[in-house]
């Protein structure tokens, strides 16, 4: 068997799968399909905090710490409308 290019890949995939299982269970709880205790919900929250970054922790900054600026150009092929 060939060596893995990234040995941590297996662990990262395992964490993503576990996170998706926890998220699926919480979504079923929200829909009323599954009943979870407060302890189970808290345990799920702790597991997700360790495997999935919170959106509030992700920050995109542009040049000099300012906002990100995007430049979009449009190119027409053939006759212009």
PDB file of N, CA and C in Angstrom:
ATOM      1  N   UNK A   1       0.834  -1.167   0.000  1.00  0.00           N
ATOM      2  CA  UNK A   1       0.000   0.000   0.000  1.00  0.00           C
ATOM      3  C   UNK A   1       0.888   1.241   0.000  1.00  0.00           C
ATOM      4  N   UNK A   2       0.501   2.223  -0.759  1.00  0.00           N
ATOM      5  CA  UNK A   2       1.283   3.462  -0.856  1.00  0.00           C
ATOM      6  C   UNK A   2       1.168   4.272   0.427  1.00  0.00           C
ATOM      7  N   UNK A   3       2.208   5.030   0.717  1.00  0.00           N
ATOM      8  CA  UNK A   3       2.205   5.875   1.899  1.00  0.00           C
ATOM      9  C   UNK A   3       1.253   7.051   1.684  1.00  0.00           C
ATOM     10  N   UNK A   4       0.649   7.486   2.765  1.00  0.00           N
ATOM     11  CA  UNK A   4      -0.262   8.626   2.689  1.00  0.00           C
ATOM     12  C   UNK A   4       0.533   9.910   2.499  1.00  0.00           C
ATOM     13  N   UNK A   5      -0.001  10.798   1.674  1.00  0.00           N
ATOM     14  CA  UNK A   5       0.663  12.076   1.456  1.00  0.00           C
ATOM     15  C   UNK A   5       0.584  12.942   2.705  1.00  0.00           C
ATOM     16  N   UNK A   6      -0.541  12.891   3.390  1.00  0.00           N
ATOM     17  CA  UNK A   6      -0.738  13.666   4.608  1.00  0.00           C
ATOM     18  C   UNK A   6      -1.195  12.710   5.708  1.00  0.00           C
ATOM     19  N   UNK A   7      -0.315  12.331   6.622  1.00  0.00           N
ATOM     20  CA  UNK A   7      -0.684  11.353   7.646  1.00  0.00           C
ATOM     21  C   UNK A   7      -1.805  11.834   8.566  1.00  0.00           C
ATOM     22  N   UNK A   8      -1.996  13.152   8.686  1.00  0.00           N
ATOM     23  CA  UNK A   8      -3.063  13.668   9.544  1.00  0.00           C
ATOM     24  C   UNK A   8      -4.424  13.621   8.857  1.00  0.00           C
ATOM     25  N   UNK A   9      -4.438  13.304   7.563  1.00  0.00           N
ATOM     26  CA  UNK A   9      -5.680  13.317   6.798  1.00  0.00           C
ATOM     27  C   UNK A   9      -6.725  12.394   7.420  1.00  0.00           C
ATOM     28  N   UNK A  10      -6.338  11.194   7.796  1.00  0.00           N
ATOM     29  CA  UNK A  10      -7.266  10.234   8.365  1.00  0.00           C
ATOM     30  C   UNK A  10      -7.913  10.790   9.626  1.00  0.00           C
ATOM     31  N   UNK A  11      -7.145  11.405  10.498  1.00  0.00           N
ATOM     32  CA  UNK A  11      -7.684  11.971  11.731  1.00  0.00           C
ATOM     33  C   UNK A  11      -8.619  13.140  11.429  1.00  0.00           C
ATOM     34  N   UNK A  12      -8.263  13.982  10.458  1.00  0.00           N
ATOM     35  CA  UNK A  12      -9.129  15.115  10.102  1.00  0.00           C
ATOM     36  C   UNK A  12     -10.468  14.623   9.555  1.00  0.00           C
ATOM     37  N   UNK A  13     -10.435  13.599   8.723  1.00  0.00           N
ATOM     38  CA  UNK A  13     -11.664  13.045   8.163  1.00  0.00           C
ATOM     39  C   UNK A  13     -12.509  12.449   9.274  1.00  0.00           C
ATOM     40  N   UNK A  14     -11.886  11.745  10.197  1.00  0.00           N
ATOM     41  CA  UNK A  14     -12.601  11.143  11.318  1.00  0.00           C
ATOM     42  C   UNK A  14     -13.307  12.225  12.143  1.00  0.00           C
ATOM     43  N   UNK A  15     -12.629  13.331  12.411  1.00  0.00           N
ATOM     44  CA  UNK A  15     -13.232  14.422  13.180  1.00  0.00           C
ATOM     45  C   UNK A  15     -14.413  15.037  12.439  1.00  0.00           C
ATOM     46  N   UNK A  16     -14.289  15.206  11.124  1.00  0.00           N
ATOM     47  CA  UNK A  16     -15.380  15.784  10.341  1.00  0.00           C
ATOM     48  C   UNK A  16     -16.600  14.879  10.345  1.00  0.00           C
ATOM     49  N   UNK A  17     -16.373  13.576  10.250  1.00  0.00           N
ATOM     50  CA  UNK A  17     -17.484  12.624  10.273  1.00  0.00           C
ATOM     51  C   UNK A  17     -18.164  12.666  11.633  1.00  0.00           C
ATOM     52  N   UNK A  18     -17.394  12.674  12.706  1.00  0.00           N
ATOM     53  CA  UNK A  18     -17.973  12.741  14.046  1.00  0.00           C
ATOM     54  C   UNK A  18     -18.767  14.024  14.225  1.00  0.00           C
ATOM     55  N   UNK A  19     -18.244  15.131  13.743  1.00  0.00           N
ATOM     56  CA  UNK A  19     -18.948  16.407  13.857  1.00  0.00           C
ATOM     57  C   UNK A  19     -20.259  16.360  13.083  1.00  0.00           C
ATOM     58  N   UNK A  20     -20.252  15.753  11.901  1.00  0.00           N
ATOM     59  CA  UNK A  20     -21.480  15.697  11.105  1.00  0.00           C
ATOM     60  C   UNK A  20     -22.538  14.826  11.780  1.00  0.00           C
ATOM     61  N   UNK A  21     -22.117  13.776  12.477  1.00  0.00           N
ATOM     62  CA  UNK A  21     -23.054  12.923  13.204  1.00  0.00           C
ATOM     63  C   UNK A  21     -23.689  13.708  14.361  1.00  0.00           C
ATOM     64  N   UNK A  22     -22.884  14.464  15.077  1.00  0.00           N
ATOM     65  CA  UNK A  22     -23.385  15.273  16.192  1.00  0.00           C
ATOM     66  C   UNK A  22     -24.346  16.343  15.668  1.00  0.00           C
ATOM     67  N   UNK A  23     -23.985  17.002  14.585  1.00  0.00           N
ATOM     68  CA  UNK A  23     -24.840  18.037  14.004  1.00  0.00           C
ATOM     69  C   UNK A  23     -26.167  17.444  13.549  1.00  0.00           C
ATOM     70  N   UNK A  24     -26.127  16.277  12.916  1.00  0.00           N
ATOM     71  CA  UNK A  24     -27.348  15.611  12.460  1.00  0.00           C
ATOM     72  C   UNK A  24     -28.258  15.304  13.639  1.00  0.00           C
ATOM     73  N   UNK A  25     -27.672  14.829  14.719  1.00  0.00           N
ATOM     74  CA  UNK A  25     -28.459  14.503  15.919  1.00  0.00           C
ATOM     75  C   UNK A  25     -29.103  15.758  16.513  1.00  0.00           C
ATOM     76  N   UNK A  26     -28.359  16.859  16.566  1.00  0.00           N
ATOM     77  CA  UNK A  26     -28.907  18.111  17.090  1.00  0.00           C
ATOM     78  C   UNK A  26     -30.023  18.644  16.189  1.00  0.00           C
ATOM     79  N   UNK A  27     -29.868  18.509  14.880  1.00  0.00           N
ATOM     80  CA  UNK A  27     -30.915  18.958  13.962  1.00  0.00           C
ATOM     81  C   UNK A  27     -32.194  18.146  14.157  1.00  0.00           C
ATOM     82  N   UNK A  28     -32.067  16.848  14.373  1.00  0.00           N
ATOM     83  CA  UNK A  28     -33.234  16.016  14.640  1.00  0.00           C
ATOM     84  C   UNK A  28     -33.904  16.424  15.953  1.00  0.00           C
ATOM     85  N   UNK A  29     -33.102  16.802  16.933  1.00  0.00           N
ATOM     86  CA  UNK A  29     -33.639  17.269  18.212  1.00  0.00           C
ATOM     87  C   UNK A  29     -34.437  18.567  18.007  1.00  0.00           C
ATOM     88  N   UNK A  30     -33.895  19.473  17.193  1.00  0.00           N
ATOM     89  CA  UNK A  30     -34.586  20.735  16.921  1.00  0.00           C
ATOM     90  C   UNK A  30     -35.906  20.520  16.195  1.00  0.00           C
ATOM     91  N   UNK A  31     -35.946  19.513  15.327  1.00  0.00           N
ATOM     92  CA  UNK A  31     -37.172  19.204  14.585  1.00  0.00           C
ATOM     93  C   UNK A  31     -38.178  18.421  15.429  1.00  0.00           C
ATOM     94  N   UNK A  32     -37.758  17.980  16.624  1.00  0.00           N
ATOM     95  CA  UNK A  32     -38.647  17.208  17.486  1.00  0.00           C
ATOM     96  C   UNK A  32     -38.660  15.723  17.185  1.00  0.00           C
ATOM     97  N   UNK A  33     -37.745  15.256  16.355  1.00  0.00           N
ATOM     98  CA  UNK A  33     -37.684  13.845  15.986  1.00  0.00           C
ATOM     99  C   UNK A  33     -36.981  13.004  17.044  1.00  0.00           C
ATOM    100  N   UNK A  34     -36.085  13.629  17.816  1.00  0.00           N
ATOM    101  CA  UNK A  34     -35.296  12.927  18.832  1.00  0.00           C
ATOM    102  C   UNK A  34     -35.309  13.782  20.094  1.00  0.00           C
ATOM    103  N   UNK A  35     -35.437  13.146  21.232  1.00  0.00           N
ATOM    104  CA  UNK A  35     -35.401  13.866  22.505  1.00  0.00           C
ATOM    105  C   UNK A  35     -33.998  13.745  23.110  1.00  0.00           C
ATOM    106  N   UNK A  36     -33.389  14.874  23.424  1.00  0.00           N
ATOM    107  CA  UNK A  36     -32.077  14.894  24.046  1.00  0.00           C
ATOM    108  C   UNK A  36     -32.181  15.602  25.394  1.00  0.00           C
ATOM    109  N   UNK A  37     -31.425  15.108  26.361  1.00  0.00           N
ATOM    110  CA  UNK A  37     -31.392  15.768  27.664  1.00  0.00           C
ATOM    111  C   UNK A  37     -30.488  16.999  27.576  1.00  0.00           C
ATOM    112  N   UNK A  38     -30.579  17.855  28.579  1.00  0.00           N
ATOM    113  CA  UNK A  38     -29.731  19.049  28.620  1.00  0.00           C
ATOM    114  C   UNK A  38     -28.256  18.652  28.659  1.00  0.00           C
ATOM    115  N   UNK A  39     -27.945  17.560  29.331  1.00  0.00           N
ATOM    116  CA  UNK A  39     -26.565  17.079  29.411  1.00  0.00           C
ATOM    117  C   UNK A  39     -26.067  16.638  28.041  1.00  0.00           C
ATOM    118  N   UNK A  40     -26.919  15.957  27.273  1.00  0.00           N
ATOM    119  CA  UNK A  40     -26.530  15.513  25.936  1.00  0.00           C
ATOM    120  C   UNK A  40     -26.310  16.699  25.001  1.00  0.00           C
ATOM    121  N   UNK A  41     -27.165  17.706  25.104  1.00  0.00           N
ATOM    122  CA  UNK A  41     -27.005  18.893  24.268  1.00  0.00           C
ATOM    123  C   UNK A  41     -25.708  19.608  24.618  1.00  0.00           C
ATOM    124  N   UNK A  42     -25.413  19.722  25.907  1.00  0.00           N
ATOM    125  CA  UNK A  42     -24.176  20.385  26.348  1.00  0.00           C
ATOM    126  C   UNK A  42     -22.946  19.595  25.878  1.00  0.00           C
ATOM    127  N   UNK A  43     -23.008  18.271  25.957  1.00  0.00           N
ATOM    128  CA  UNK A  43     -21.895  17.434  25.501  1.00  0.00           C
ATOM    129  C   UNK A  43     -21.679  17.612  23.998  1.00  0.00           C
ATOM    130  N   UNK A  44     -22.766  17.705  23.237  1.00  0.00           N
ATOM    131  CA  UNK A  44     -22.658  17.925  21.798  1.00  0.00           C
ATOM    132  C   UNK A  44     -22.021  19.279  21.515  1.00  0.00           C
ATOM    133  N   UNK A  45     -22.408  20.293  22.278  1.00  0.00           N
ATOM    134  CA  UNK A  45     -21.838  21.631  22.111  1.00  0.00           C
ATOM    135  C   UNK A  45     -20.331  21.614  22.366  1.00  0.00           C
ATOM    136  N   UNK A  46     -19.906  20.910  23.400  1.00  0.00           N
ATOM    137  CA  UNK A  46     -18.478  20.822  23.727  1.00  0.00           C
ATOM    138  C   UNK A  46     -17.716  20.115  22.606  1.00  0.00           C
ATOM    139  N   UNK A  47     -18.267  19.018  22.097  1.00  0.00           N
ATOM    140  CA  UNK A  47     -17.607  18.283  21.011  1.00  0.00           C
ATOM    141  C   UNK A  47     -17.496  19.138  19.755  1.00  0.00           C
ATOM    142  N   UNK A  48     -18.547  19.884  19.436  1.00  0.00           N
ATOM    143  CA  UNK A  48     -18.508  20.731  18.245  1.00  0.00           C
ATOM    144  C   UNK A  48     -17.518  21.870  18.414  1.00  0.00           C
ATOM    145  N   UNK A  49     -17.416  22.426  19.628  1.00  0.00           N
ATOM    146  CA  UNK A  49     -16.441  23.493  19.872  1.00  0.00           C
ATOM    147  C   UNK A  49     -15.019  23.027  19.606  1.00  0.00           C
ATOM    148  N   UNK A  50     -14.776  21.758  19.821  1.00  0.00           N
ATOM    149  CA  UNK A  50     -13.426  21.220  19.621  1.00  0.00           C
ATOM    150  C   UNK A  50     -13.143  20.837  18.180  1.00  0.00           C
ATOM    151  N   UNK A  51     -14.186  20.629  17.385  1.00  0.00           N
ATOM    152  CA  UNK A  51     -13.944  20.143  16.025  1.00  0.00           C
ATOM    153  C   UNK A  51     -14.350  21.112  14.925  1.00  0.00           C
ATOM    154  N   UNK A  52     -15.288  22.025  15.184  1.00  0.00           N
ATOM    155  CA  UNK A  52     -15.764  22.950  14.162  1.00  0.00           C
ATOM    156  C   UNK A  52     -15.569  24.376  14.662  1.00  0.00           C
ATOM    157  N   UNK A  53     -14.863  25.219  13.907  1.00  0.00           N
ATOM    158  CA  UNK A  53     -14.662  26.594  14.368  1.00  0.00           C
ATOM    159  C   UNK A  53     -15.970  27.377  14.346  1.00  0.00           C
ATOM    160  N   UNK A  54     -16.133  28.256  15.320  1.00  0.00           N
ATOM    161  CA  UNK A  54     -17.314  29.117  15.358  1.00  0.00           C
ATOM    162  C   UNK A  54     -17.135  30.232  14.344  1.00  0.00           C
ATOM    163  N   UNK A  55     -18.228  30.670  13.766  1.00  0.00           N
ATOM    164  CA  UNK A  55     -18.149  31.728  12.765  1.00  0.00           C
ATOM    165  C   UNK A  55     -17.614  33.019  13.371  1.00  0.00           C
ATOM    166  N   UNK A  56     -17.876  33.239  14.639  1.00  0.00           N
ATOM    167  CA  UNK A  56     -17.390  34.465  15.273  1.00  0.00           C
ATOM    168  C   UNK A  56     -15.873  34.448  15.443  1.00  0.00           C
ATOM    169  N   UNK A  57     -15.264  33.267  15.333  1.00  0.00           N
ATOM    170  CA  UNK A  57     -13.823  33.161  15.497  1.00  0.00           C
ATOM    171  C   UNK A  57     -13.079  33.297  14.166  1.00  0.00           C
ATOM    172  N   UNK A  58     -13.808  33.328  13.072  1.00  0.00           N
ATOM    173  CA  UNK A  58     -13.194  33.434  11.763  1.00  0.00           C
ATOM    174  C   UNK A  58     -13.271  34.890  11.325  1.00  0.00           C
ATOM    175  N   UNK A  59     -12.138  35.457  10.983  1.00  0.00           N
ATOM    176  CA  UNK A  59     -12.116  36.852  10.581  1.00  0.00           C
ATOM    177  C   UNK A  59     -11.296  36.995   9.310  1.00  0.00           C
ATOM    178  N   UNK A  60     -11.871  37.646   8.328  1.00  0.00           N
ATOM    179  CA  UNK A  60     -11.180  37.920   7.075  1.00  0.00           C
ATOM    180  C   UNK A  60     -10.812  39.395   7.058  1.00  0.00           C
ATOM    181  N   UNK A  61      -9.548  39.665   6.863  1.00  0.00           N
ATOM    182  CA  UNK A  61      -9.121  41.060   6.800  1.00  0.00           C
ATOM    183  C   UNK A  61      -8.342  41.280   5.519  1.00  0.00           C
ATOM    184  N   UNK A  62      -8.462  42.486   5.042  1.00  0.00           N
ATOM    185  CA  UNK A  62      -7.760  42.852   3.821  1.00  0.00           C
ATOM    186  C   UNK A  62      -6.429  43.497   4.131  1.00  0.00           C
ATOM    187  N   UNK A  63      -5.934  44.207   3.170  1.00  0.00           N
ATOM    188  CA  UNK A  63      -4.647  44.868   3.282  1.00  0.00           C
ATOM    189  C   UNK A  63      -4.647  45.867   4.434  1.00  0.00           C
ATOM    190  N   UNK A  64      -3.640  45.821   5.271  1.00  0.00           N
ATOM    191  CA  UNK A  64      -3.521  46.750   6.398  1.00  0.00           C
ATOM    192  C   UNK A  64      -4.539  46.508   7.494  1.00  0.00           C
ATOM    193  N   UNK A  65      -5.164  45.328   7.527  1.00  0.00           N
ATOM    194  CA  UNK A  65      -6.145  45.023   8.558  1.00  0.00           C
ATOM    195  C   UNK A  65      -7.533  45.551   8.256  1.00  0.00           C
ATOM    196  N   UNK A  66      -7.712  46.170   7.108  1.00  0.00           N
ATOM    197  CA  UNK A  66      -9.009  46.720   6.721  1.00  0.00           C
ATOM    198  C   UNK A  66      -9.910  45.665   6.117  1.00  0.00           C
ATOM    199  N   UNK A  67     -11.020  46.111   5.532  1.00  0.00           N
ATOM    200  CA  UNK A  67     -11.952  45.150   4.935  1.00  0.00           C
ATOM    201  C   UNK A  67     -11.369  44.504   3.680  1.00  0.00           C
ATOM    202  N   UNK A  68     -11.884  43.349   3.362  1.00  0.00           N
ATOM    203  CA  UNK A  68     -11.467  42.633   2.159  1.00  0.00           C
ATOM    204  C   UNK A  68     -12.121  43.312   0.958  1.00  0.00           C
ATOM    205  N   UNK A  69     -11.345  43.613  -0.054  1.00  0.00           N
ATOM    206  CA  UNK A  69     -11.869  44.242  -1.258  1.00  0.00           C
ATOM    207  C   UNK A  69     -11.782  43.239  -2.402  1.00  0.00           C
ATOM    208  N   UNK A  70     -12.870  43.125  -3.152  1.00  0.00           N
ATOM    209  CA  UNK A  70     -12.909  42.214  -4.294  1.00  0.00           C
ATOM    210  C   UNK A  70     -13.030  43.016  -5.575  1.00  0.00           C
ATOM    211  N   UNK A  71     -12.304  42.621  -6.576  1.00  0.00           N
ATOM    212  CA  UNK A  71     -12.368  43.287  -7.870  1.00  0.00           C
ATOM    213  C   UNK A  71     -12.922  42.282  -8.870  1.00  0.00           C
ATOM    214  N   UNK A  72     -14.016  42.654  -9.495  1.00  0.00           N
ATOM    215  CA  UNK A  72     -14.671  41.761 -10.444  1.00  0.00           C
ATOM    216  C   UNK A  72     -14.606  42.410 -11.817  1.00  0.00           C
ATOM    217  N   UNK A  73     -14.175  41.643 -12.808  1.00  0.00           N
ATOM    218  CA  UNK A  73     -14.169  42.124 -14.182  1.00  0.00           C
ATOM    219  C   UNK A  73     -15.022  41.193 -15.036  1.00  0.00           C
ATOM    220  N   UNK A  74     -15.669  41.769 -16.018  1.00  0.00           N
ATOM    221  CA  UNK A  74     -16.530  40.989 -16.906  1.00  0.00           C
ATOM    222  C   UNK A  74     -15.970  41.092 -18.309  1.00  0.00           C
ATOM    223  N   UNK A  75     -15.851  39.966 -18.945  1.00  0.00           N
ATOM    224  CA  UNK A  75     -15.320  39.934 -20.309  1.00  0.00           C
ATOM    225  C   UNK A  75     -16.361  39.297 -21.211  1.00  0.00           C
ATOM    226  N   UNK A  76     -16.754  39.997 -22.256  1.00  0.00           N
ATOM    227  CA  UNK A  76     -17.722  39.459 -23.192  1.00  0.00           C
ATOM    228  C   UNK A  76     -16.982  38.746 -24.311  1.00  0.00           C
ATOM    229  N   UNK A  77     -17.500  37.598 -24.671  1.00  0.00           N
ATOM    230  CA  UNK A  77     -16.939  36.837 -25.783  1.00  0.00           C
ATOM    231  C   UNK A  77     -17.911  36.979 -26.946  1.00  0.00           C
ATOM    232  N   UNK A  78     -17.440  37.384 -28.076  1.00  0.00           N
ATOM    233  CA  UNK A  78     -18.313  37.582 -29.223  1.00  0.00           C
ATOM    234  C   UNK A  78     -18.875  38.988 -29.232  1.00  0.00           C
ATOM    235  N   UNK A  79     -20.098  39.134 -29.683  1.00  0.00           N
ATOM    236  CA  UNK A  79     -20.734  40.448 -29.778  1.00  0.00           C
ATOM    237  C   UNK A  79     -21.246  40.886 -28.409  1.00  0.00           C
ATOM    238  N   UNK A  80     -21.052  42.147 -28.110  1.00  0.00           N
ATOM    239  CA  UNK A  80     -21.575  42.706 -26.862  1.00  0.00           C
ATOM    240  C   UNK A  80     -23.087  42.837 -26.980  1.00  0.00           C
ATOM    241  N   UNK A  81     -23.823  42.650 -25.891  1.00  0.00           N
ATOM    242  CA  UNK A  81     -25.302  42.731 -25.969  1.00  0.00           C
ATOM    243  C   UNK A  81     -25.768  44.135 -26.245  1.00  0.00           C
TER     244      UNK A  81
END
